[in-house]
């Protein structure tokens, strides 16, 4: 058997190639991490989320707005106006549904309608965002005008 002679130059070339490959993989790894963190910022952009909520809000599409808020988990002061508008609308819709159920003779519906009627009035009287006041006052006015009209007593 012949013994192979290892040259110092070959070892240095191999070592240099290994260092270059290691440097390449480290740089690529840092770029991937930077891209991953930027990707998260891309998906949650508060200004873009507010713009999307505004679209539903000004169209008075509170169902779409509710979906936008809940699917994206949008909370905080920037989205408070939208949550208040959705909650006011939902309470008003619940009032209307229980009022119709009471008119149809469903037992217990009158009490639930009254509960939601009081919530609608409370929403209007304790409105935090002036943009919502007009709409909440409309709900309140409708609830106060028609309070005894459909209830069985």
Protein backbone atom coordinates (compact mmCIF):
# COMPACT_ATOMS: atom_id res chain seq x y z
CA UNK A 1 0.00 0.00 0.00
CA UNK A 2 1.08 3.39 -0.88
CA UNK A 3 0.90 6.13 1.67
CA UNK A 4 -0.62 9.31 0.43
CA UNK A 5 1.25 12.37 1.21
CA UNK A 6 -0.91 15.24 2.43
CA UNK A 7 0.27 18.60 1.27
CA UNK A 8 -0.10 21.69 3.36
CA UNK A 9 -1.40 23.61 0.35
CA UNK A 10 -4.32 21.15 -0.13
CA UNK A 11 -5.25 21.41 3.54
CA UNK A 12 -5.20 25.21 3.35
CA UNK A 13 -7.37 25.22 0.19
CA UNK A 14 -9.90 22.86 1.82
CA UNK A 15 -9.91 24.95 4.98
CA UNK A 16 -10.46 28.12 2.94
CA UNK A 17 -13.38 26.51 1.05
CA UNK A 18 -14.94 25.36 4.34
CA UNK A 19 -14.61 28.87 5.83
CA UNK A 20 -16.14 30.46 2.72
CA UNK A 21 -19.07 28.02 2.79
CA UNK A 22 -19.56 28.60 6.50
CA UNK A 23 -19.55 32.37 5.95
CA UNK A 24 -22.06 32.00 3.12
CA UNK A 25 -24.44 29.91 5.25
CA UNK A 26 -24.18 32.31 8.20
CA UNK A 27 -24.92 35.30 5.97
CA UNK A 28 -27.82 33.47 4.32
CA UNK A 29 -29.19 32.51 7.74
CA UNK A 30 -29.09 36.11 8.92
CA UNK A 31 -30.89 37.24 5.77
CA UNK A 32 -33.58 34.59 6.28
CA UNK A 33 -34.10 35.70 9.90
CA UNK A 34 -34.29 39.34 8.81
CA UNK A 35 -36.81 38.42 6.11
CA UNK A 36 -38.89 36.41 8.60
CA UNK A 37 -39.16 39.31 11.02
CA UNK A 38 -39.95 41.74 8.20
CA UNK A 39 -42.59 39.29 6.93
CA UNK A 40 -44.41 39.54 10.25
CA UNK A 41 -44.40 43.34 9.99
CA UNK A 42 -45.75 43.01 6.46
CA UNK A 43 -48.76 41.05 7.63
CA UNK A 44 -49.59 43.32 10.55
CA UNK A 45 -49.47 46.89 9.46
CA UNK A 46 -51.66 48.98 11.77
CA UNK A 47 -52.24 51.71 9.20
CA UNK A 48 -53.39 49.18 6.63
CA UNK A 49 -55.63 47.45 9.20
CA UNK A 50 -57.23 50.78 10.14
CA UNK A 51 -57.81 51.52 6.46
CA UNK A 52 -59.49 48.15 6.05
CA UNK A 53 -61.67 48.73 9.13
CA UNK A 54 -62.57 52.21 7.87
CA UNK A 55 -63.87 50.68 4.66
CA UNK A 56 -66.38 48.53 6.55
CA UNK A 57 -67.11 51.24 9.11
CA UNK A 58 -68.08 53.95 6.63
CA UNK A 59 -70.10 51.48 4.57
CA UNK A 60 -71.93 50.61 7.82
CA UNK A 61 -71.09 46.97 7.15
CA UNK A 62 -70.77 46.04 10.81
CA UNK A 63 -70.78 42.33 10.06
CA UNK A 64 -67.71 42.72 7.85
CA UNK A 65 -66.13 45.00 10.42
CA UNK A 66 -66.73 42.47 13.19
CA UNK A 67 -65.16 39.75 11.07
CA UNK A 68 -62.15 41.95 10.30
CA UNK A 69 -61.65 42.75 13.98
CA UNK A 70 -62.03 39.18 15.22
CA UNK A 71 -60.12 37.37 12.47
CA UNK A 72 -57.10 39.63 12.77
CA UNK A 73 -57.36 39.97 16.57
CA UNK A 74 -57.38 43.75 16.38
CA UNK A 75 -57.56 45.28 19.84
CA UNK A 76 -56.29 48.41 21.48
CA UNK A 77 -57.04 52.09 21.41
CA UNK A 78 -56.62 52.39 17.64
CA UNK A 79 -59.50 49.97 17.10
CA UNK A 80 -61.76 51.05 19.99
CA UNK A 81 -64.05 53.09 17.75
CA UNK A 82 -64.76 50.05 15.61
CA UNK A 83 -65.40 47.76 18.57
CA UNK A 84 -67.85 50.26 20.03
CA UNK A 85 -69.71 50.57 16.71
CA UNK A 86 -69.92 46.80 16.29
CA UNK A 87 -71.10 46.27 19.87
CA UNK A 88 -73.79 48.94 19.51
CA UNK A 89 -75.02 47.42 16.27
CA UNK A 90 -75.04 43.88 17.68
CA UNK A 91 -77.00 44.93 20.77
CA UNK A 92 -79.50 46.73 18.56
CA UNK A 93 -79.88 43.68 16.32
CA UNK A 94 -80.42 41.46 19.34
CA UNK A 95 -83.11 43.85 20.55
CA UNK A 96 -84.87 43.69 17.17
CA UNK A 97 -84.71 39.90 17.04
CA UNK A 98 -86.10 39.43 20.55
CA UNK A 99 -88.77 42.02 19.85
CA UNK A 100 -89.86 40.00 16.79
CA UNK A 101 -89.72 36.80 18.81
CA UNK A 102 -91.97 38.37 21.44
CA UNK A 103 -94.42 39.47 18.74
CA UNK A 104 -94.46 35.85 17.57
CA UNK A 105 -95.31 34.70 21.09
CA UNK A 106 -91.98 33.15 22.13
CA UNK A 107 -91.86 32.90 25.91
CA UNK A 108 -89.11 34.85 27.63
CA UNK A 109 -88.43 36.96 24.55
CA UNK A 110 -89.95 40.11 26.07
CA UNK A 111 -87.50 40.04 28.97
CA UNK A 112 -84.53 39.52 26.65
CA UNK A 113 -85.76 42.32 24.36
CA UNK A 114 -85.99 44.64 27.33
CA UNK A 115 -82.48 43.64 28.42
CA UNK A 116 -81.06 44.50 24.99
CA UNK A 117 -83.14 47.68 24.78
CA UNK A 118 -81.49 48.88 27.97
CA UNK A 119 -78.06 47.93 26.58
CA UNK A 120 -78.75 49.97 23.42
CA UNK A 121 -79.72 52.98 25.53
CA UNK A 122 -76.65 52.52 27.73
CA UNK A 123 -74.40 52.30 24.65
CA UNK A 124 -75.73 55.62 23.38
CA UNK A 125 -75.49 57.37 26.74
CA UNK A 126 -71.96 56.14 27.45
CA UNK A 127 -70.47 56.54 23.97
CA UNK A 128 -66.69 57.01 24.09
CA UNK A 129 -66.11 57.91 20.44
CA UNK A 130 -67.93 60.91 18.97
CA UNK A 131 -67.93 59.30 15.52
CA UNK A 132 -70.32 56.63 16.83
CA UNK A 133 -72.66 58.94 18.74
CA UNK A 134 -75.08 59.70 15.90
CA UNK A 135 -75.59 56.05 14.97
CA UNK A 136 -75.97 54.94 18.59
CA UNK A 137 -78.46 57.74 19.21
CA UNK A 138 -80.50 56.50 16.24
CA UNK A 139 -80.63 53.02 17.75
CA UNK A 140 -81.57 54.51 21.12
CA UNK A 141 -84.30 56.66 19.60
CA UNK A 142 -85.84 53.71 17.84
CA UNK A 143 -85.79 51.65 21.03
CA UNK A 144 -87.45 54.42 23.05
CA UNK A 145 -90.16 55.17 20.48
CA UNK A 146 -91.23 51.56 19.99
CA UNK A 147 -90.79 50.33 23.56
CA UNK A 148 -94.30 49.09 24.25
CA UNK A 149 -95.58 48.69 20.73
CA UNK A 150 -94.76 45.03 20.18
CA UNK A 151 -94.59 43.63 23.67
CA UNK A 152 -97.27 41.34 25.04
CA UNK A 153 -98.21 42.34 28.54
